[in-house]
Amino acid sequence: MEPRLSRRSAALAAGARMLLLCALFILGRPGSTADHDRYRTQLRQPRVATSELEQDVLRQRLGMAPLHGTSDQDFDALENA
């Protein structure tokens, strides 16, 4: 015979579980959106630099003048990614 929990015990267990889930949800949320925006900007910069570099390489192969010009900063941005 299996021991059965009373309704009160089951309700208390369900309430404790909900309280724990709410606490984990609140504590797991990011503190600041500024950090997230800064991170996304850091990810975007190398992607833009790579795209511009690829466009300039293609233009060079076609005998066209580069639009963006590759500078040491462009390569540094790619290196630091």
Protein backbone atom coordinates (compact mmCIF):
# COMPACT_ATOMS: atom_id res chain seq x y z
CA MET A 1 0.00 0.00 0.00
CA GLU A 2 1.40 3.37 -1.01
CA PRO A 3 1.24 6.29 1.38
CA ARG A 4 -0.97 9.06 0.04
CA LEU A 5 -0.52 12.75 0.64
CA SER A 6 -3.36 14.73 2.05
CA ARG A 7 -4.88 17.51 0.00
CA ARG A 8 -3.29 20.05 2.29
CA SER A 9 0.19 18.57 1.79
CA ALA A 10 -0.29 18.42 -1.97
CA ALA A 11 -1.44 22.06 -2.02
CA LEU A 12 1.56 23.14 0.08
CA ALA A 13 3.93 21.25 -2.22
CA ALA A 14 2.37 22.85 -5.32
CA GLY A 15 2.54 26.31 -3.69
CA ALA A 16 6.18 25.82 -2.75
CA ARG A 17 6.96 24.71 -6.30
CA MET A 18 5.25 27.81 -7.74
CA LEU A 19 7.10 30.06 -5.30
CA LEU A 20 10.41 28.48 -6.30
CA LEU A 21 9.65 28.91 -10.01
CA CYS A 22 8.72 32.57 -9.50
CA ALA A 23 11.92 33.20 -7.54
CA LEU A 24 14.03 31.54 -10.24
CA PHE A 25 12.30 33.59 -12.91
CA ILE A 26 12.90 36.88 -11.10
CA LEU A 27 16.52 36.09 -10.21
CA GLY A 28 17.31 34.77 -13.69
CA ARG A 29 16.34 37.96 -15.49
CA PRO A 30 19.13 40.20 -16.78
CA GLY A 31 19.88 43.20 -14.64
CA SER A 32 20.49 45.78 -17.33
CA THR A 33 19.56 46.11 -20.96
CA ALA A 34 22.55 48.42 -21.50
CA ASP A 35 24.92 45.45 -21.10
CA HIS A 36 22.91 43.48 -23.63
CA ASP A 37 22.91 46.38 -26.11
CA ARG A 38 26.66 46.84 -25.70
CA TYR A 39 27.22 43.13 -26.35
CA ARG A 40 25.06 43.22 -29.49
CA THR A 41 26.97 46.28 -30.74
CA GLN A 42 30.26 44.47 -30.19
CA LEU A 43 28.96 41.55 -32.24
CA ARG A 44 27.71 43.81 -35.03
CA GLN A 45 30.96 45.75 -35.52
CA PRO A 46 33.09 42.82 -36.74
CA ARG A 47 30.22 41.62 -38.93
CA VAL A 48 29.99 45.04 -40.62
CA ALA A 49 33.78 45.26 -40.98
CA THR A 50 33.88 41.78 -42.55
CA SER A 51 31.10 42.68 -44.97
CA GLU A 52 32.82 45.90 -46.05
CA LEU A 53 36.14 44.08 -46.48
CA GLU A 54 34.49 41.38 -48.62
CA GLN A 55 32.82 44.02 -50.79
CA ASP A 56 36.12 45.80 -51.31
CA VAL A 57 37.86 42.54 -52.24
CA LEU A 58 35.16 41.77 -54.81
CA ARG A 59 35.33 45.30 -56.21
CA GLN A 60 39.12 45.01 -56.45
CA ARG A 61 38.82 41.73 -58.37
CA LEU A 62 36.41 43.38 -60.80
CA GLY A 63 38.82 46.29 -61.28
CA MET A 64 36.60 48.78 -59.47
CA ALA A 65 37.69 51.25 -56.83
CA PRO A 66 37.05 50.15 -53.25
CA LEU A 67 34.17 51.92 -51.52
CA HIS A 68 35.21 51.61 -47.93
CA GLY A 69 38.96 51.41 -48.09
CA THR A 70 40.67 48.92 -45.88
CA SER A 71 42.55 50.43 -43.02
CA ASP A 72 44.40 49.03 -40.06
CA GLN A 73 41.30 49.70 -37.95
CA ASP A 74 39.26 47.36 -40.14
CA PHE A 75 41.72 44.56 -39.62
CA ASP A 76 41.97 45.32 -35.90
CA ALA A 77 38.19 45.10 -35.61
CA LEU A 78 38.26 41.68 -37.24
CA GLU A 79 41.16 40.52 -35.10
CA ASN A 80 39.51 41.56 -31.83
CA ALA A 81 36.26 39.76 -32.62
